[in-house]
């Protein structure tokens, strides 16, 4: 099982990486590593502004290859109890932010 690390420096980054439209929540992680759909991974998410570090398991559900409209990387769906905590942390952190014309790394 590979490990992916995500640094969420501020609310704008959290908004760009969070995938709230995915059941159980997910995040996009910019990465040049090769992954396949269904790969199990360990996530290490650092949110310094919230003084929070979250470690959880996840599964790759999205792949943006080199040359796509967005950054190259993978979307990872949260799993388990720590995954629920990660989803709640992101939902709380980006609450109230409007999509407007803001682009995320996946949409």
C-alpha atoms as a PDB file:
ATOM      1  CA  UNK A   1       0.000   0.000   0.000  1.00  0.00           C
ATOM      2  CA  UNK A   2       1.467   3.338  -1.002  1.00  0.00           C
ATOM      3  CA  UNK A   3       1.408   6.505   1.078  1.00  0.00           C
ATOM      4  CA  UNK A   4       0.286   9.894  -0.239  1.00  0.00           C
ATOM      5  CA  UNK A   5       0.849  13.176   1.563  1.00  0.00           C
ATOM      6  CA  UNK A   6      -1.268  16.293   1.172  1.00  0.00           C
ATOM      7  CA  UNK A   7      -0.403  19.708   2.591  1.00  0.00           C
ATOM      8  CA  UNK A   8      -3.498  21.900   2.916  1.00  0.00           C
ATOM      9  CA  UNK A   9      -1.950  25.307   3.560  1.00  0.00           C
ATOM     10  CA  UNK A  10      -5.164  27.358   3.537  1.00  0.00           C
ATOM     11  CA  UNK A  11      -8.910  27.415   2.767  1.00  0.00           C
ATOM     12  CA  UNK A  12      -8.405  28.018  -0.943  1.00  0.00           C
ATOM     13  CA  UNK A  13      -6.277  24.893  -1.271  1.00  0.00           C
ATOM     14  CA  UNK A  14      -8.796  22.917   0.820  1.00  0.00           C
ATOM     15  CA  UNK A  15     -11.566  24.063  -1.531  1.00  0.00           C
ATOM     16  CA  UNK A  16      -9.563  23.049  -4.604  1.00  0.00           C
ATOM     17  CA  UNK A  17      -8.685  19.556  -3.372  1.00  0.00           C
ATOM     18  CA  UNK A  18     -11.869  18.537  -1.537  1.00  0.00           C
ATOM     19  CA  UNK A  19     -14.298  16.384  -3.526  1.00  0.00           C
ATOM     20  CA  UNK A  20     -17.603  16.741  -1.599  1.00  0.00           C
ATOM     21  CA  UNK A  21     -19.599  15.179  -4.436  1.00  0.00           C
ATOM     22  CA  UNK A  22     -18.029  11.782  -3.653  1.00  0.00           C
ATOM     23  CA  UNK A  23     -19.859   9.578  -1.160  1.00  0.00           C
ATOM     24  CA  UNK A  24     -17.854   9.500   2.092  1.00  0.00           C
ATOM     25  CA  UNK A  25     -15.767  12.450   0.789  1.00  0.00           C
ATOM     26  CA  UNK A  26     -12.505  12.485  -1.102  1.00  0.00           C
ATOM     27  CA  UNK A  27      -9.514  14.668  -1.872  1.00  0.00           C
ATOM     28  CA  UNK A  28      -7.459  15.270  -4.979  1.00  0.00           C
ATOM     29  CA  UNK A  29      -3.741  14.814  -4.428  1.00  0.00           C
ATOM     30  CA  UNK A  30      -1.362  16.252  -7.016  1.00  0.00           C
ATOM     31  CA  UNK A  31       1.100  13.487  -7.786  1.00  0.00           C
ATOM     32  CA  UNK A  32       3.326  12.210 -10.564  1.00  0.00           C
ATOM     33  CA  UNK A  33       3.195   8.689  -9.119  1.00  0.00           C
ATOM     34  CA  UNK A  34       1.339   6.108 -11.165  1.00  0.00           C
ATOM     35  CA  UNK A  35      -1.789   4.703  -9.587  1.00  0.00           C
ATOM     36  CA  UNK A  36      -4.684   2.587 -10.755  1.00  0.00           C
ATOM     37  CA  UNK A  37      -8.354   2.918  -9.949  1.00  0.00           C
ATOM     38  CA  UNK A  38      -9.055   0.853  -6.855  1.00  0.00           C
ATOM     39  CA  UNK A  39      -5.538   1.126  -5.394  1.00  0.00           C
ATOM     40  CA  UNK A  40      -5.590   1.214  -1.603  1.00  0.00           C
ATOM     41  CA  UNK A  41      -3.486   4.052  -0.154  1.00  0.00           C
ATOM     42  CA  UNK A  42      -2.636   5.601   3.167  1.00  0.00           C
ATOM     43  CA  UNK A  43      -3.261   9.353   3.351  1.00  0.00           C
ATOM     44  CA  UNK A  44      -1.317  11.791   5.475  1.00  0.00           C
ATOM     45  CA  UNK A  45      -3.148  15.125   5.440  1.00  0.00           C
ATOM     46  CA  UNK A  46      -1.551  18.126   7.110  1.00  0.00           C
ATOM     47  CA  UNK A  47      -3.756  21.174   7.765  1.00  0.00           C
ATOM     48  CA  UNK A  48      -1.452  23.629   9.580  1.00  0.00           C
ATOM     49  CA  UNK A  49      -3.990  26.463   9.711  1.00  0.00           C
ATOM     50  CA  UNK A  50      -6.261  24.145  11.719  1.00  0.00           C
ATOM     51  CA  UNK A  51      -3.330  22.631  13.604  1.00  0.00           C
ATOM     52  CA  UNK A  52      -4.544  19.254  12.422  1.00  0.00           C
ATOM     53  CA  UNK A  53      -2.920  16.168  10.978  1.00  0.00           C
ATOM     54  CA  UNK A  54      -5.102  13.356   9.731  1.00  0.00           C
ATOM     55  CA  UNK A  55      -3.964   9.868   8.801  1.00  0.00           C
ATOM     56  CA  UNK A  56      -6.524   7.662   7.100  1.00  0.00           C
ATOM     57  CA  UNK A  57      -6.976   4.929   4.564  1.00  0.00           C
ATOM     58  CA  UNK A  58      -8.414   5.568   1.130  1.00  0.00           C
ATOM     59  CA  UNK A  59      -9.023   4.180  -2.323  1.00  0.00           C
ATOM     60  CA  UNK A  60      -8.087   5.783  -5.653  1.00  0.00           C
ATOM     61  CA  UNK A  61     -11.297   6.736  -7.483  1.00  0.00           C
ATOM     62  CA  UNK A  62     -10.080   9.444  -9.887  1.00  0.00           C
ATOM     63  CA  UNK A  63      -6.999   9.816 -12.061  1.00  0.00           C
ATOM     64  CA  UNK A  64      -5.994  13.001 -13.889  1.00  0.00           C
ATOM     65  CA  UNK A  65      -3.197  12.127 -16.299  1.00  0.00           C
ATOM     66  CA  UNK A  66      -0.519  14.448 -17.613  1.00  0.00           C
ATOM     67  CA  UNK A  67      -2.066  16.782 -20.190  1.00  0.00           C
ATOM     68  CA  UNK A  68      -5.520  16.888 -18.626  1.00  0.00           C
ATOM     69  CA  UNK A  69      -7.345  20.167 -17.957  1.00  0.00           C
ATOM     70  CA  UNK A  70      -6.131  20.080 -14.391  1.00  0.00           C
ATOM     71  CA  UNK A  71      -3.089  19.079 -12.388  1.00  0.00           C
ATOM     72  CA  UNK A  72      -1.821  15.539 -12.698  1.00  0.00           C
ATOM     73  CA  UNK A  73      -2.802  13.446  -9.703  1.00  0.00           C
ATOM     74  CA  UNK A  74      -5.370  11.192  -8.080  1.00  0.00           C
ATOM     75  CA  UNK A  75      -8.657  11.489  -6.230  1.00  0.00           C
ATOM     76  CA  UNK A  76      -8.768   9.377  -3.102  1.00  0.00           C
ATOM     77  CA  UNK A  77     -12.026   8.467  -1.354  1.00  0.00           C
ATOM     78  CA  UNK A  78     -11.835   8.451   2.432  1.00  0.00           C
ATOM     79  CA  UNK A  79     -12.391   5.181   4.277  1.00  0.00           C
ATOM     80  CA  UNK A  80     -12.872   4.150   7.885  1.00  0.00           C
ATOM     81  CA  UNK A  81     -13.371   6.140  11.064  1.00  0.00           C
ATOM     82  CA  UNK A  82     -10.396   8.426  10.357  1.00  0.00           C
ATOM     83  CA  UNK A  83     -11.819   8.971   6.871  1.00  0.00           C
ATOM     84  CA  UNK A  84     -15.052  10.226   8.446  1.00  0.00           C
ATOM     85  CA  UNK A  85     -12.990  12.640  10.542  1.00  0.00           C
ATOM     86  CA  UNK A  86     -11.164  13.859   7.426  1.00  0.00           C
ATOM     87  CA  UNK A  87     -14.440  14.465   5.605  1.00  0.00           C
ATOM     88  CA  UNK A  88     -15.839  16.398   8.583  1.00  0.00           C
ATOM     89  CA  UNK A  89     -12.665  18.486   8.862  1.00  0.00           C
ATOM     90  CA  UNK A  90     -12.870  19.494   5.193  1.00  0.00           C
ATOM     91  CA  UNK A  91     -16.622  20.161   5.307  1.00  0.00           C
ATOM     92  CA  UNK A  92     -16.222  22.402   8.337  1.00  0.00           C
ATOM     93  CA  UNK A  93     -13.160  24.174   6.952  1.00  0.00           C
ATOM     94  CA  UNK A  94     -14.683  25.090   3.572  1.00  0.00           C
ATOM     95  CA  UNK A  95     -18.235  25.667   4.857  1.00  0.00           C
ATOM     96  CA  UNK A  96     -19.758  28.761   3.339  1.00  0.00           C
ATOM     97  CA  UNK A  97     -17.324  29.023   0.427  1.00  0.00           C
ATOM     98  CA  UNK A  98     -19.205  29.478  -2.841  1.00  0.00           C
ATOM     99  CA  UNK A  99     -18.096  27.796  -6.051  1.00  0.00           C
ATOM    100  CA  UNK A 100     -18.842  30.826  -8.239  1.00  0.00           C
ATOM    101  CA  UNK A 101     -16.201  30.820 -10.939  1.00  0.00           C
ATOM    102  CA  UNK A 102     -13.597  29.123  -8.746  1.00  0.00           C
ATOM    103  CA  UNK A 103     -12.047  26.080 -10.320  1.00  0.00           C
ATOM    104  CA  UNK A 104     -11.114  23.013  -8.361  1.00  0.00           C
ATOM    105  CA  UNK A 105      -8.450  20.519  -9.350  1.00  0.00           C
ATOM    106  CA  UNK A 106     -11.127  18.077 -10.529  1.00  0.00           C
ATOM    107  CA  UNK A 107     -13.982  20.170 -11.956  1.00  0.00           C
END
